[in-house]
Amino acid sequence: MGKVSKNARVNRGAKDGTGKNHVKIVISEKNPVTGQYTYKEKIIHKDQLDEALKGF
């Protein structure tokens, strides 16, 4: 019988698989005074993508 590592990825995410339904949005904004960039990050569901982009 073979030995399985305790770090093996067995049945990882098999319960519902909802992580694949989310996306990460990164928006960059430039400060007109200093010229520095700031980044806004958000993790949202795929179905709410259009609504979230309107808010930025």
C-alpha atoms as a PDB file:
ATOM      1  CA  MET A   1       0.000   0.000   0.000  1.00  0.00           C
ATOM      2  CA  GLY A   2       1.325   3.423  -0.981  1.00  0.00           C
ATOM      3  CA  LYS A   3       1.976   6.237   1.430  1.00  0.00           C
ATOM      4  CA  VAL A   4       0.170   9.571   1.008  1.00  0.00           C
ATOM      5  CA  SER A   5       1.831  12.789   2.074  1.00  0.00           C
ATOM      6  CA  LYS A   6       0.047  14.820   4.721  1.00  0.00           C
ATOM      7  CA  ASN A   7       0.470  17.838   2.404  1.00  0.00           C
ATOM      8  CA  ALA A   8      -1.217  16.137  -0.554  1.00  0.00           C
ATOM      9  CA  ARG A   9      -4.046  18.019  -2.192  1.00  0.00           C
ATOM     10  CA  VAL A  10      -6.734  15.398  -1.806  1.00  0.00           C
ATOM     11  CA  ASN A  11     -10.327  16.495  -2.440  1.00  0.00           C
ATOM     12  CA  ARG A  12      -9.330  20.128  -2.276  1.00  0.00           C
ATOM     13  CA  GLY A  13     -12.303  22.338  -3.141  1.00  0.00           C
ATOM     14  CA  ALA A  14     -14.465  19.363  -4.015  1.00  0.00           C
ATOM     15  CA  LYS A  15     -17.262  20.368  -1.670  1.00  0.00           C
ATOM     16  CA  ASP A  16     -18.704  23.237  -3.690  1.00  0.00           C
ATOM     17  CA  GLY A  17     -16.130  24.781  -6.069  1.00  0.00           C
ATOM     18  CA  THR A  18     -17.393  28.323  -5.537  1.00  0.00           C
ATOM     19  CA  GLY A  19     -13.940  29.906  -5.720  1.00  0.00           C
ATOM     20  CA  LYS A  20     -13.990  29.689  -9.493  1.00  0.00           C
ATOM     21  CA  ASN A  21     -17.013  31.970  -9.616  1.00  0.00           C
ATOM     22  CA  HIS A  22     -15.152  34.969  -8.208  1.00  0.00           C
ATOM     23  CA  VAL A  23     -12.824  37.423  -9.942  1.00  0.00           C
ATOM     24  CA  LYS A  24     -10.351  39.991  -8.659  1.00  0.00           C
ATOM     25  CA  ILE A  25     -10.533  43.528 -10.025  1.00  0.00           C
ATOM     26  CA  VAL A  26      -7.528  45.851  -9.798  1.00  0.00           C
ATOM     27  CA  ILE A  27      -8.057  49.489 -10.769  1.00  0.00           C
ATOM     28  CA  SER A  28      -5.166  51.956 -10.952  1.00  0.00           C
ATOM     29  CA  GLU A  29      -5.690  55.653 -10.370  1.00  0.00           C
ATOM     30  CA  LYS A  30      -3.132  58.389 -10.940  1.00  0.00           C
ATOM     31  CA  ASN A  31      -2.950  61.311  -8.555  1.00  0.00           C
ATOM     32  CA  PRO A  32      -2.900  64.463 -10.731  1.00  0.00           C
ATOM     33  CA  VAL A  33      -0.916  66.458  -8.159  1.00  0.00           C
ATOM     34  CA  THR A  34       1.913  64.050  -7.293  1.00  0.00           C
ATOM     35  CA  GLY A  35       1.769  61.671 -10.259  1.00  0.00           C
ATOM     36  CA  GLN A  36       1.713  58.630  -7.980  1.00  0.00           C
ATOM     37  CA  TYR A  37      -0.451  55.622  -8.742  1.00  0.00           C
ATOM     38  CA  THR A  38      -2.764  54.020  -6.211  1.00  0.00           C
ATOM     39  CA  TYR A  39      -4.423  50.650  -6.693  1.00  0.00           C
ATOM     40  CA  LYS A  40      -7.870  49.531  -5.590  1.00  0.00           C
ATOM     41  CA  GLU A  41      -8.496  45.802  -5.339  1.00  0.00           C
ATOM     42  CA  LYS A  42     -11.810  44.026  -4.997  1.00  0.00           C
ATOM     43  CA  ILE A  43     -12.925  40.394  -5.150  1.00  0.00           C
ATOM     44  CA  ILE A  44     -16.458  39.960  -6.467  1.00  0.00           C
ATOM     45  CA  HIS A  45     -18.716  37.343  -8.025  1.00  0.00           C
ATOM     46  CA  LYS A  46     -18.641  37.025 -11.827  1.00  0.00           C
ATOM     47  CA  ASP A  47     -22.302  37.974 -12.134  1.00  0.00           C
ATOM     48  CA  GLN A  48     -21.718  41.339 -10.422  1.00  0.00           C
ATOM     49  CA  LEU A  49     -18.770  42.369 -12.592  1.00  0.00           C
ATOM     50  CA  ASP A  50     -20.567  45.031 -14.664  1.00  0.00           C
ATOM     51  CA  GLU A  51     -22.131  46.626 -11.603  1.00  0.00           C
ATOM     52  CA  ALA A  52     -18.809  46.755  -9.758  1.00  0.00           C
ATOM     53  CA  LEU A  53     -16.979  48.401 -12.661  1.00  0.00           C
ATOM     54  CA  LYS A  54     -19.581  51.166 -12.784  1.00  0.00           C
ATOM     55  CA  GLY A  55     -18.800  51.954  -9.143  1.00  0.00           C
ATOM     56  CA  PHE A  56     -15.103  52.600  -9.736  1.00  0.00           C
END
